[in-house]
All heavy atoms as atom14 arrays in JSON, in Angstrom:
{
  "sequence": "LDAHFVPFTAQTRMSGVDIGDRQIRKGAVDSVIASLGERNAAAGQVRE",
  "atom14_mask": [
    [1, 1, 1, 1, 1, 1, 1, 1, 0, 0, 0, 0, 0, 0],
    [1, 1, 1, 1, 1, 1, 1, 1, 0, 0, 0, 0, 0, 0],
    [1, 1, 1, 1, 1, 0, 0, 0, 0, 0, 0, 0, 0, 0],
    [1, 1, 1, 1, 1, 1, 1, 1, 1, 1, 0, 0, 0, 0],
    [1, 1, 1, 1, 1, 1, 1, 1, 1, 1, 1, 0, 0, 0],
    [1, 1, 1, 1, 1, 1, 1, 0, 0, 0, 0, 0, 0, 0],
    [1, 1, 1, 1, 1, 1, 1, 0, 0, 0, 0, 0, 0, 0],
    [1, 1, 1, 1, 1, 1, 1, 1, 1, 1, 1, 0, 0, 0],
    [1, 1, 1, 1, 1, 1, 1, 0, 0, 0, 0, 0, 0, 0],
    [1, 1, 1, 1, 1, 0, 0, 0, 0, 0, 0, 0, 0, 0],
    [1, 1, 1, 1, 1, 1, 1, 1, 1, 0, 0, 0, 0, 0],
    [1, 1, 1, 1, 1, 1, 1, 0, 0, 0, 0, 0, 0, 0],
    [1, 1, 1, 1, 1, 1, 1, 1, 1, 1, 1, 0, 0, 0],
    [1, 1, 1, 1, 1, 1, 1, 1, 0, 0, 0, 0, 0, 0],
    [1, 1, 1, 1, 1, 1, 0, 0, 0, 0, 0, 0, 0, 0],
    [1, 1, 1, 1, 0, 0, 0, 0, 0, 0, 0, 0, 0, 0],
    [1, 1, 1, 1, 1, 1, 1, 0, 0, 0, 0, 0, 0, 0],
    [1, 1, 1, 1, 1, 1, 1, 1, 0, 0, 0, 0, 0, 0],
    [1, 1, 1, 1, 1, 1, 1, 1, 0, 0, 0, 0, 0, 0],
    [1, 1, 1, 1, 0, 0, 0, 0, 0, 0, 0, 0, 0, 0],
    [1, 1, 1, 1, 1, 1, 1, 1, 0, 0, 0, 0, 0, 0],
    [1, 1, 1, 1, 1, 1, 1, 1, 1, 1, 1, 0, 0, 0],
    [1, 1, 1, 1, 1, 1, 1, 1, 1, 0, 0, 0, 0, 0],
    [1, 1, 1, 1, 1, 1, 1, 1, 0, 0, 0, 0, 0, 0],
    [1, 1, 1, 1, 1, 1, 1, 1, 1, 1, 1, 0, 0, 0],
    [1, 1, 1, 1, 1, 1, 1, 1, 1, 0, 0, 0, 0, 0],
    [1, 1, 1, 1, 0, 0, 0, 0, 0, 0, 0, 0, 0, 0],
    [1, 1, 1, 1, 1, 0, 0, 0, 0, 0, 0, 0, 0, 0],
    [1, 1, 1, 1, 1, 1, 1, 0, 0, 0, 0, 0, 0, 0],
    [1, 1, 1, 1, 1, 1, 1, 1, 0, 0, 0, 0, 0, 0],
    [1, 1, 1, 1, 1, 1, 0, 0, 0, 0, 0, 0, 0, 0],
    [1, 1, 1, 1, 1, 1, 1, 0, 0, 0, 0, 0, 0, 0],
    [1, 1, 1, 1, 1, 1, 1, 1, 0, 0, 0, 0, 0, 0],
    [1, 1, 1, 1, 1, 0, 0, 0, 0, 0, 0, 0, 0, 0],
    [1, 1, 1, 1, 1, 1, 0, 0, 0, 0, 0, 0, 0, 0],
    [1, 1, 1, 1, 1, 1, 1, 1, 0, 0, 0, 0, 0, 0],
    [1, 1, 1, 1, 0, 0, 0, 0, 0, 0, 0, 0, 0, 0],
    [1, 1, 1, 1, 1, 1, 1, 1, 1, 0, 0, 0, 0, 0],
    [1, 1, 1, 1, 1, 1, 1, 1, 1, 1, 1, 0, 0, 0],
    [1, 1, 1, 1, 1, 1, 1, 1, 0, 0, 0, 0, 0, 0],
    [1, 1, 1, 1, 1, 0, 0, 0, 0, 0, 0, 0, 0, 0],
    [1, 1, 1, 1, 1, 0, 0, 0, 0, 0, 0, 0, 0, 0],
    [1, 1, 1, 1, 1, 0, 0, 0, 0, 0, 0, 0, 0, 0],
    [1, 1, 1, 1, 0, 0, 0, 0, 0, 0, 0, 0, 0, 0],
    [1, 1, 1, 1, 1, 1, 1, 1, 1, 0, 0, 0, 0, 0],
    [1, 1, 1, 1, 1, 1, 1, 0, 0, 0, 0, 0, 0, 0],
    [1, 1, 1, 1, 1, 1, 1, 1, 1, 1, 1, 0, 0, 0],
    [1, 1, 1, 1, 1, 1, 1, 1, 1, 0, 0, 0, 0, 0]
  ],
  "atom14_positions": [
    [[169.56, 41.19, 153.18], [168.64, 41.68, 154.28], [168.01, 40.51, 155.02], [167.27, 40.74, 156.0], [167.6, 42.59, 153.71], [168.06, 43.92, 153.1], [166.89, 44.63, 152.42], [168.66, 44.81, 154.16], [0.0, 0.0, 0.0], [0.0, 0.0, 0.0], [0.0, 0.0, 0.0], [0.0, 0.0, 0.0], [0.0, 0.0, 0.0], [0.0, 0.0, 0.0]],
    [[168.26, 39.3, 154.54], [167.57, 38.08, 155.08], [166.06, 38.31, 155.05], [165.32, 38.17, 156.05], [168.03, 37.83, 156.53], [167.51, 36.47, 157.02], [167.27, 35.59, 156.18], [167.38, 36.32, 158.28], [0.0, 0.0, 0.0], [0.0, 0.0, 0.0], [0.0, 0.0, 0.0], [0.0, 0.0, 0.0], [0.0, 0.0, 0.0], [0.0, 0.0, 0.0]],
    [[165.62, 38.76, 153.87], [164.22, 39.19, 153.71], [163.44, 38.04, 153.08], [163.94, 37.25, 152.35], [164.14, 40.44, 152.83], [0.0, 0.0, 0.0], [0.0, 0.0, 0.0], [0.0, 0.0, 0.0], [0.0, 0.0, 0.0], [0.0, 0.0, 0.0], [0.0, 0.0, 0.0], [0.0, 0.0, 0.0], [0.0, 0.0, 0.0], [0.0, 0.0, 0.0]],
    [[162.15, 38.04, 153.43], [161.22, 37.1, 152.83], [160.1, 37.84, 152.15], [159.39, 38.63, 152.81], [160.62, 36.18, 153.94], [159.52, 35.3, 153.44], [159.72, 34.3, 152.52], [158.19, 35.3, 153.74], [158.55, 33.71, 152.25], [157.65, 34.31, 152.98], [0.0, 0.0, 0.0], [0.0, 0.0, 0.0], [0.0, 0.0, 0.0], [0.0, 0.0, 0.0]],
    [[159.94, 37.66, 150.85], [158.97, 38.39, 150.08], [157.61, 37.72, 150.23], [157.49, 36.54, 150.16], [159.38, 38.42, 148.61], [158.34, 39.02, 147.69], [157.96, 40.37, 147.89], [157.7, 38.32, 146.7], [156.99, 40.95, 147.06], [156.76, 38.87, 145.88], [156.4, 40.2, 146.03], [0.0, 0.0, 0.0], [0.0, 0.0, 0.0], [0.0, 0.0, 0.0]],
    [[156.58, 38.57, 150.48], [155.21, 38.11, 150.58], [154.46, 38.5, 149.31], [154.23, 39.68, 149.05], [154.49, 38.71, 151.81], [153.05, 38.23, 151.9], [155.28, 38.44, 153.08], [0.0, 0.0, 0.0], [0.0, 0.0, 0.0], [0.0, 0.0, 0.0], [0.0, 0.0, 0.0], [0.0, 0.0, 0.0], [0.0, 0.0, 0.0], [0.0, 0.0, 0.0]],
    [[154.1, 37.53, 148.45], [153.51, 37.9, 147.18], [152.05, 38.36, 147.29], [151.39, 38.09, 148.32], [153.59, 36.58, 146.4], [153.51, 35.51, 147.47], [154.28, 36.06, 148.63], [0.0, 0.0, 0.0], [0.0, 0.0, 0.0], [0.0, 0.0, 0.0], [0.0, 0.0, 0.0], [0.0, 0.0, 0.0], [0.0, 0.0, 0.0], [0.0, 0.0, 0.0]],
    [[151.63, 39.09, 146.33], [150.26, 39.58, 146.28], [149.3, 38.37, 146.04], [149.58, 37.51, 145.27], [150.13, 40.59, 145.17], [148.68, 41.07, 144.98], [148.22, 42.14, 145.68], [147.85, 40.45, 144.05], [146.91, 42.59, 145.53], [146.57, 40.91, 143.87], [146.08, 41.95, 144.57], [0.0, 0.0, 0.0], [0.0, 0.0, 0.0], [0.0, 0.0, 0.0]],
    [[148.14, 38.4, 146.71], [147.12, 37.4, 146.46], [145.8, 38.16, 146.37], [145.62, 39.24, 146.91], [147.01, 36.39, 147.61], [146.59, 37.03, 148.84], [148.34, 35.72, 147.86], [0.0, 0.0, 0.0], [0.0, 0.0, 0.0], [0.0, 0.0, 0.0], [0.0, 0.0, 0.0], [0.0, 0.0, 0.0], [0.0, 0.0, 0.0], [0.0, 0.0, 0.0]],
    [[144.86, 37.54, 145.67], [143.54, 38.13, 145.48], [142.78, 38.19, 146.84], [141.9, 39.03, 146.99], [142.73, 37.36, 144.44], [0.0, 0.0, 0.0], [0.0, 0.0, 0.0], [0.0, 0.0, 0.0], [0.0, 0.0, 0.0], [0.0, 0.0, 0.0], [0.0, 0.0, 0.0], [0.0, 0.0, 0.0], [0.0, 0.0, 0.0], [0.0, 0.0, 0.0]],
    [[143.14, 37.28, 147.74], [142.47, 37.21, 149.03], [142.88, 38.37, 149.93], [142.06, 39.06, 150.54], [142.73, 35.87, 149.72], [142.07, 34.67, 149.1], [142.75, 34.27, 147.81], [143.95, 34.48, 147.64], [141.99, 33.65, 146.87], [0.0, 0.0, 0.0], [0.0, 0.0, 0.0], [0.0, 0.0, 0.0], [0.0, 0.0, 0.0], [0.0, 0.0, 0.0]],
    [[144.17, 38.6, 150.04], [144.68, 39.65, 150.92], [144.72, 41.06, 150.25], [144.63, 42.07, 150.95], [146.06, 39.35, 151.42], [146.99, 39.36, 150.3], [146.13, 37.97, 152.13], [0.0, 0.0, 0.0], [0.0, 0.0, 0.0], [0.0, 0.0, 0.0], [0.0, 0.0, 0.0], [0.0, 0.0, 0.0], [0.0, 0.0, 0.0], [0.0, 0.0, 0.0]],
    [[144.87, 41.05, 148.97], [145.01, 42.31, 148.16], [146.18, 43.13, 148.66], [146.15, 44.32, 148.63], [143.72, 43.11, 148.14], [142.51, 42.37, 147.56], [141.28, 43.18, 147.64], [141.39, 44.42, 146.8], [140.6, 45.49, 146.94], [139.68, 45.51, 147.9], [140.76, 46.53, 146.15], [0.0, 0.0, 0.0], [0.0, 0.0, 0.0], [0.0, 0.0, 0.0]],
    [[147.2, 42.45, 149.15], [148.4, 43.11, 149.65], [149.63, 42.28, 149.25], [149.53, 41.08, 148.96], [148.37, 43.22, 151.2], [147.28, 44.12, 151.74], [147.44, 44.31, 153.53], [147.17, 42.63, 154.11], [0.0, 0.0, 0.0], [0.0, 0.0, 0.0], [0.0, 0.0, 0.0], [0.0, 0.0, 0.0], [0.0, 0.0, 0.0], [0.0, 0.0, 0.0]],
    [[150.8, 42.92, 149.29], [152.08, 42.23, 149.09], [153.03, 42.97, 149.98], [152.76, 44.07, 150.53], [152.53, 42.3, 147.63], [152.75, 43.58, 147.2], [0.0, 0.0, 0.0], [0.0, 0.0, 0.0], [0.0, 0.0, 0.0], [0.0, 0.0, 0.0], [0.0, 0.0, 0.0], [0.0, 0.0, 0.0], [0.0, 0.0, 0.0], [0.0, 0.0, 0.0]],
    [[154.21, 42.42, 150.15], [155.23, 43.08, 151.02], [156.43, 42.25, 151.28], [156.77, 41.37, 150.51], [0.0, 0.0, 0.0], [0.0, 0.0, 0.0], [0.0, 0.0, 0.0], [0.0, 0.0, 0.0], [0.0, 0.0, 0.0], [0.0, 0.0, 0.0], [0.0, 0.0, 0.0], [0.0, 0.0, 0.0], [0.0, 0.0, 0.0], [0.0, 0.0, 0.0]],
    [[157.09, 42.54, 152.42], [158.32, 41.83, 152.74], [158.44, 41.73, 154.27], [158.02, 42.63, 154.98], [159.54, 42.63, 152.15], [159.63, 43.99, 152.75], [160.82, 41.8, 152.28], [0.0, 0.0, 0.0], [0.0, 0.0, 0.0], [0.0, 0.0, 0.0], [0.0, 0.0, 0.0], [0.0, 0.0, 0.0], [0.0, 0.0, 0.0], [0.0, 0.0, 0.0]],
    [[159.02, 40.62, 154.71], [159.33, 40.44, 156.17], [160.85, 40.49, 156.29], [161.58, 39.68, 155.62], [158.82, 39.1, 156.66], [157.3, 39.07, 156.68], [156.7, 40.16, 156.69], [156.74, 37.95, 156.63], [0.0, 0.0, 0.0], [0.0, 0.0, 0.0], [0.0, 0.0, 0.0], [0.0, 0.0, 0.0], [0.0, 0.0, 0.0], [0.0, 0.0, 0.0]],
    [[161.37, 41.38, 157.11], [162.79, 41.5, 157.37], [163.0, 41.3, 158.86], [162.79, 42.27, 159.67], [163.33, 42.89, 156.92], [163.02, 43.11, 155.46], [164.84, 42.98, 157.14], [163.44, 44.53, 154.93], [0.0, 0.0, 0.0], [0.0, 0.0, 0.0], [0.0, 0.0, 0.0], [0.0, 0.0, 0.0], [0.0, 0.0, 0.0], [0.0, 0.0, 0.0]],
    [[163.3, 40.15, 159.26], [163.39, 39.82, 160.73], [161.99, 39.97, 161.34], [161.03, 39.33, 160.85], [0.0, 0.0, 0.0], [0.0, 0.0, 0.0], [0.0, 0.0, 0.0], [0.0, 0.0, 0.0], [0.0, 0.0, 0.0], [0.0, 0.0, 0.0], [0.0, 0.0, 0.0], [0.0, 0.0, 0.0], [0.0, 0.0, 0.0], [0.0, 0.0, 0.0]],
    [[161.91, 40.75, 162.35], [160.62, 40.99, 163.02], [159.82, 42.1, 162.34], [158.66, 42.39, 162.7], [160.8, 41.37, 164.51], [161.42, 40.23, 165.25], [161.19, 39.06, 164.89], [162.1, 40.5, 166.27], [0.0, 0.0, 0.0], [0.0, 0.0, 0.0], [0.0, 0.0, 0.0], [0.0, 0.0, 0.0], [0.0, 0.0, 0.0], [0.0, 0.0, 0.0]],
    [[160.39, 42.74, 161.34], [159.75, 43.89, 160.67], [158.87, 43.35, 159.54], [159.35, 42.62, 158.68], [160.81, 44.81, 160.14], [160.31, 46.12, 159.57], [161.46, 46.98, 159.12], [161.03, 48.26, 158.57], [161.85, 49.1, 157.92], [163.09, 48.79, 157.78], [161.36, 50.23, 157.48], [0.0, 0.0, 0.0], [0.0, 0.0, 0.0], [0.0, 0.0, 0.0]],
    [[157.64, 43.75, 159.54], [156.66, 43.37, 158.5], [156.14, 44.6, 157.76], [155.5, 45.43, 158.36], [155.5, 42.6, 159.13], [155.9, 41.23, 159.76], [154.68, 40.53, 160.31], [153.67, 41.12, 160.68], [154.78, 39.2, 160.37], [0.0, 0.0, 0.0], [0.0, 0.0, 0.0], [0.0, 0.0, 0.0], [0.0, 0.0, 0.0], [0.0, 0.0, 0.0]],
    [[156.46, 44.67, 156.47], [156.05, 45.81, 155.66], [155.05, 45.35, 154.63], [155.32, 44.35, 153.95], [157.25, 46.48, 154.97], [158.33, 46.93, 156.01], [156.8, 47.73, 154.18], [159.6, 47.41, 155.41], [0.0, 0.0, 0.0], [0.0, 0.0, 0.0], [0.0, 0.0, 0.0], [0.0, 0.0, 0.0], [0.0, 0.0, 0.0], [0.0, 0.0, 0.0]],
    [[153.93, 46.03, 154.51], [152.92, 45.63, 153.55], [152.41, 46.89, 152.77], [152.37, 47.96, 153.33], [151.7, 44.98, 154.25], [151.99, 43.71, 154.98], [152.35, 42.55, 154.07], [152.53, 41.31, 154.82], [153.67, 40.93, 155.33], [154.77, 41.68, 155.15], [153.78, 39.79, 156.01], [0.0, 0.0, 0.0], [0.0, 0.0, 0.0], [0.0, 0.0, 0.0]],
    [[152.09, 46.64, 151.54], [151.44, 47.71, 150.72], [150.27, 47.01, 149.98], [150.35, 45.86, 149.59], [152.41, 48.35, 149.75], [152.98, 47.42, 148.66], [153.84, 48.17, 147.7], [154.53, 47.24, 146.73], [153.64, 46.57, 145.79], [0.0, 0.0, 0.0], [0.0, 0.0, 0.0], [0.0, 0.0, 0.0], [0.0, 0.0, 0.0], [0.0, 0.0, 0.0]],
    [[149.21, 47.79, 149.75], [148.04, 47.22, 149.12], [146.86, 48.14, 149.13], [146.95, 49.34, 149.41], [0.0, 0.0, 0.0], [0.0, 0.0, 0.0], [0.0, 0.0, 0.0], [0.0, 0.0, 0.0], [0.0, 0.0, 0.0], [0.0, 0.0, 0.0], [0.0, 0.0, 0.0], [0.0, 0.0, 0.0], [0.0, 0.0, 0.0], [0.0, 0.0, 0.0]],
    [[145.72, 47.57, 148.76], [144.45, 48.35, 148.75], [144.23, 48.94, 150.12], [144.39, 48.24, 151.16], [143.34, 47.47, 148.3], [0.0, 0.0, 0.0], [0.0, 0.0, 0.0], [0.0, 0.0, 0.0], [0.0, 0.0, 0.0], [0.0, 0.0, 0.0], [0.0, 0.0, 0.0], [0.0, 0.0, 0.0], [0.0, 0.0, 0.0], [0.0, 0.0, 0.0]],
    [[143.73, 50.17, 150.12], [143.55, 50.91, 151.38], [142.63, 50.14, 152.3], [142.95, 49.94, 153.5], [143.02, 52.31, 151.1], [142.64, 53.04, 152.37], [144.05, 53.17, 150.36], [0.0, 0.0, 0.0], [0.0, 0.0, 0.0], [0.0, 0.0, 0.0], [0.0, 0.0, 0.0], [0.0, 0.0, 0.0], [0.0, 0.0, 0.0], [0.0, 0.0, 0.0]],
    [[141.5, 49.71, 151.82], [140.51, 49.02, 152.69], [141.15, 47.76, 153.25], [140.92, 47.4, 154.42], [139.28, 48.7, 151.9], [138.48, 49.9, 151.53], [138.68, 50.95, 152.18], [137.62, 49.82, 150.59], [0.0, 0.0, 0.0], [0.0, 0.0, 0.0], [0.0, 0.0, 0.0], [0.0, 0.0, 0.0], [0.0, 0.0, 0.0], [0.0, 0.0, 0.0]],
    [[141.91, 46.97, 152.44], [142.49, 45.72, 152.92], [143.54, 46.0, 153.98], [143.66, 45.26, 154.98], [143.09, 44.95, 151.72], [142.1, 44.64, 150.79], [0.0, 0.0, 0.0], [0.0, 0.0, 0.0], [0.0, 0.0, 0.0], [0.0, 0.0, 0.0], [0.0, 0.0, 0.0], [0.0, 0.0, 0.0], [0.0, 0.0, 0.0], [0.0, 0.0, 0.0]],
    [[144.38, 47.0, 153.78], [145.44, 47.26, 154.77], [144.83, 47.71, 156.07], [145.23, 47.25, 157.18], [146.42, 48.37, 154.2], [147.33, 48.84, 155.29], [147.16, 47.82, 152.99], [0.0, 0.0, 0.0], [0.0, 0.0, 0.0], [0.0, 0.0, 0.0], [0.0, 0.0, 0.0], [0.0, 0.0, 0.0], [0.0, 0.0, 0.0], [0.0, 0.0, 0.0]],
    [[143.84, 48.6, 156.01], [143.18, 49.08, 157.25], [142.46, 47.95, 157.97], [142.54, 47.82, 159.22], [142.25, 50.23, 156.94], [143.09, 51.49, 156.49], [141.4, 50.56, 158.18], [142.22, 52.66, 156.12], [0.0, 0.0, 0.0], [0.0, 0.0, 0.0], [0.0, 0.0, 0.0], [0.0, 0.0, 0.0], [0.0, 0.0, 0.0], [0.0, 0.0, 0.0]],
    [[141.83, 47.09, 157.19], [141.12, 45.95, 157.78], [142.02, 45.04, 158.5], [141.71, 44.44, 159.55], [140.31, 45.23, 156.69], [0.0, 0.0, 0.0], [0.0, 0.0, 0.0], [0.0, 0.0, 0.0], [0.0, 0.0, 0.0], [0.0, 0.0, 0.0], [0.0, 0.0, 0.0], [0.0, 0.0, 0.0], [0.0, 0.0, 0.0], [0.0, 0.0, 0.0]],
    [[143.25, 44.88, 157.98], [144.25, 43.99, 158.59], [144.73, 44.54, 159.95], [145.26, 43.78, 160.8], [145.43, 43.73, 157.69], [146.21, 44.93, 157.55], [0.0, 0.0, 0.0], [0.0, 0.0, 0.0], [0.0, 0.0, 0.0], [0.0, 0.0, 0.0], [0.0, 0.0, 0.0], [0.0, 0.0, 0.0], [0.0, 0.0, 0.0], [0.0, 0.0, 0.0]],
    [[144.63, 45.86, 160.1], [145.07, 46.52, 161.37], [143.96, 46.74, 162.35], [144.15, 46.88, 163.57], [145.71, 47.86, 161.04], [146.97, 47.82, 160.14], [147.4, 49.24, 159.82], [148.06, 47.04, 160.79], [0.0, 0.0, 0.0], [0.0, 0.0, 0.0], [0.0, 0.0, 0.0], [0.0, 0.0, 0.0], [0.0, 0.0, 0.0], [0.0, 0.0, 0.0]],
    [[142.73, 46.81, 161.8], [141.6, 47.14, 162.67], [141.19, 48.6, 162.46], [142.08, 49.47, 162.32], [0.0, 0.0, 0.0], [0.0, 0.0, 0.0], [0.0, 0.0, 0.0], [0.0, 0.0, 0.0], [0.0, 0.0, 0.0], [0.0, 0.0, 0.0], [0.0, 0.0, 0.0], [0.0, 0.0, 0.0], [0.0, 0.0, 0.0], [0.0, 0.0, 0.0]],
    [[139.9, 48.86, 162.44], [139.43, 50.2, 162.12], [139.84, 51.22, 163.2], [139.8, 52.42, 162.95], [137.88, 50.17, 162.01], [137.39, 49.5, 160.75], [137.67, 50.28, 159.51], [137.95, 51.47, 159.6], [137.6, 49.7, 158.42], [0.0, 0.0, 0.0], [0.0, 0.0, 0.0], [0.0, 0.0, 0.0], [0.0, 0.0, 0.0], [0.0, 0.0, 0.0]],
    [[140.24, 50.72, 164.37], [140.54, 51.67, 165.49], [141.93, 52.27, 165.35], [142.35, 53.07, 166.2], [140.33, 50.99, 166.82], [138.88, 50.74, 167.17], [138.74, 49.96, 168.47], [139.29, 48.59, 168.39], [139.35, 47.71, 169.33], [138.83, 48.06, 170.53], [139.82, 46.54, 169.16], [0.0, 0.0, 0.0], [0.0, 0.0, 0.0], [0.0, 0.0, 0.0]],
    [[142.68, 51.88, 164.34], [144.0, 52.45, 164.1], [143.88, 53.98, 163.98], [143.05, 54.5, 163.24], [144.6, 51.85, 162.83], [146.05, 52.25, 162.69], [146.36, 53.35, 162.37], [146.93, 51.28, 162.96], [0.0, 0.0, 0.0], [0.0, 0.0, 0.0], [0.0, 0.0, 0.0], [0.0, 0.0, 0.0], [0.0, 0.0, 0.0], [0.0, 0.0, 0.0]],
    [[144.75, 54.66, 164.73], [144.64, 56.12, 164.81], [144.8, 56.81, 163.5], [144.14, 57.87, 163.25], [145.69, 56.63, 165.78], [0.0, 0.0, 0.0], [0.0, 0.0, 0.0], [0.0, 0.0, 0.0], [0.0, 0.0, 0.0], [0.0, 0.0, 0.0], [0.0, 0.0, 0.0], [0.0, 0.0, 0.0], [0.0, 0.0, 0.0], [0.0, 0.0, 0.0]],
    [[145.55, 56.28, 162.57], [145.81, 56.96, 161.31], [144.87, 56.52, 160.18], [144.97, 57.0, 159.06], [147.27, 56.68, 160.85], [0.0, 0.0, 0.0], [0.0, 0.0, 0.0], [0.0, 0.0, 0.0], [0.0, 0.0, 0.0], [0.0, 0.0, 0.0], [0.0, 0.0, 0.0], [0.0, 0.0, 0.0], [0.0, 0.0, 0.0], [0.0, 0.0, 0.0]],
    [[143.95, 55.59, 160.5], [143.04, 55.04, 159.45], [142.2, 56.12, 158.78], [142.09, 56.17, 157.56], [142.16, 53.96, 160.08], [0.0, 0.0, 0.0], [0.0, 0.0, 0.0], [0.0, 0.0, 0.0], [0.0, 0.0, 0.0], [0.0, 0.0, 0.0], [0.0, 0.0, 0.0], [0.0, 0.0, 0.0], [0.0, 0.0, 0.0], [0.0, 0.0, 0.0]],
    [[141.65, 57.06, 159.6], [140.83, 58.09, 159.02], [141.63, 59.0, 158.12], [141.13, 59.41, 157.05], [0.0, 0.0, 0.0], [0.0, 0.0, 0.0], [0.0, 0.0, 0.0], [0.0, 0.0, 0.0], [0.0, 0.0, 0.0], [0.0, 0.0, 0.0], [0.0, 0.0, 0.0], [0.0, 0.0, 0.0], [0.0, 0.0, 0.0], [0.0, 0.0, 0.0]],
    [[142.86, 59.32, 158.53], [143.69, 60.22, 157.71], [144.06, 59.5, 156.41], [144.1, 60.14, 155.32], [144.99, 60.59, 158.48], [145.77, 61.71, 157.82], [146.97, 62.14, 158.64], [147.13, 61.7, 159.77], [147.82, 62.98, 158.05], [0.0, 0.0, 0.0], [0.0, 0.0, 0.0], [0.0, 0.0, 0.0], [0.0, 0.0, 0.0], [0.0, 0.0, 0.0]],
    [[144.36, 58.21, 156.45], [144.71, 57.47, 155.24], [143.53, 57.43, 154.27], [143.7, 57.6, 153.1], [145.19, 56.04, 155.56], [145.22, 55.17, 154.33], [146.55, 56.09, 156.22], [0.0, 0.0, 0.0], [0.0, 0.0, 0.0], [0.0, 0.0, 0.0], [0.0, 0.0, 0.0], [0.0, 0.0, 0.0], [0.0, 0.0, 0.0], [0.0, 0.0, 0.0]],
    [[142.32, 57.24, 154.88], [141.11, 57.2, 154.01], [140.88, 58.57, 153.35], [140.51, 58.66, 152.19], [139.89, 56.84, 154.84], [139.84, 55.39, 155.26], [138.48, 55.06, 155.87], [138.41, 53.69, 156.35], [138.19, 52.61, 155.59], [138.01, 52.76, 154.27], [138.14, 51.43, 156.14], [0.0, 0.0, 0.0], [0.0, 0.0, 0.0], [0.0, 0.0, 0.0]],
    [[141.17, 59.63, 154.05], [141.01, 60.96, 153.52], [142.02, 61.2, 152.36], [141.64, 61.79, 151.31], [141.21, 62.01, 154.61], [140.88, 63.44, 154.17], [140.98, 64.45, 155.31], [140.98, 64.0, 156.47], [141.11, 65.65, 155.01], [0.0, 0.0, 0.0], [0.0, 0.0, 0.0], [0.0, 0.0, 0.0], [0.0, 0.0, 0.0], [0.0, 0.0, 0.0]]
  ]
}
């Protein structure tokens, strides 16, 4: 996939993979939402 793995760190509290221009991350809810900005439309639903 020509993928680059992004390891988990205590600072980001996330990990994931980059596949070309595609960036996929998984991690703590607060950290993921903070990386996108609170104005993300789905943030409230994810928190719920």
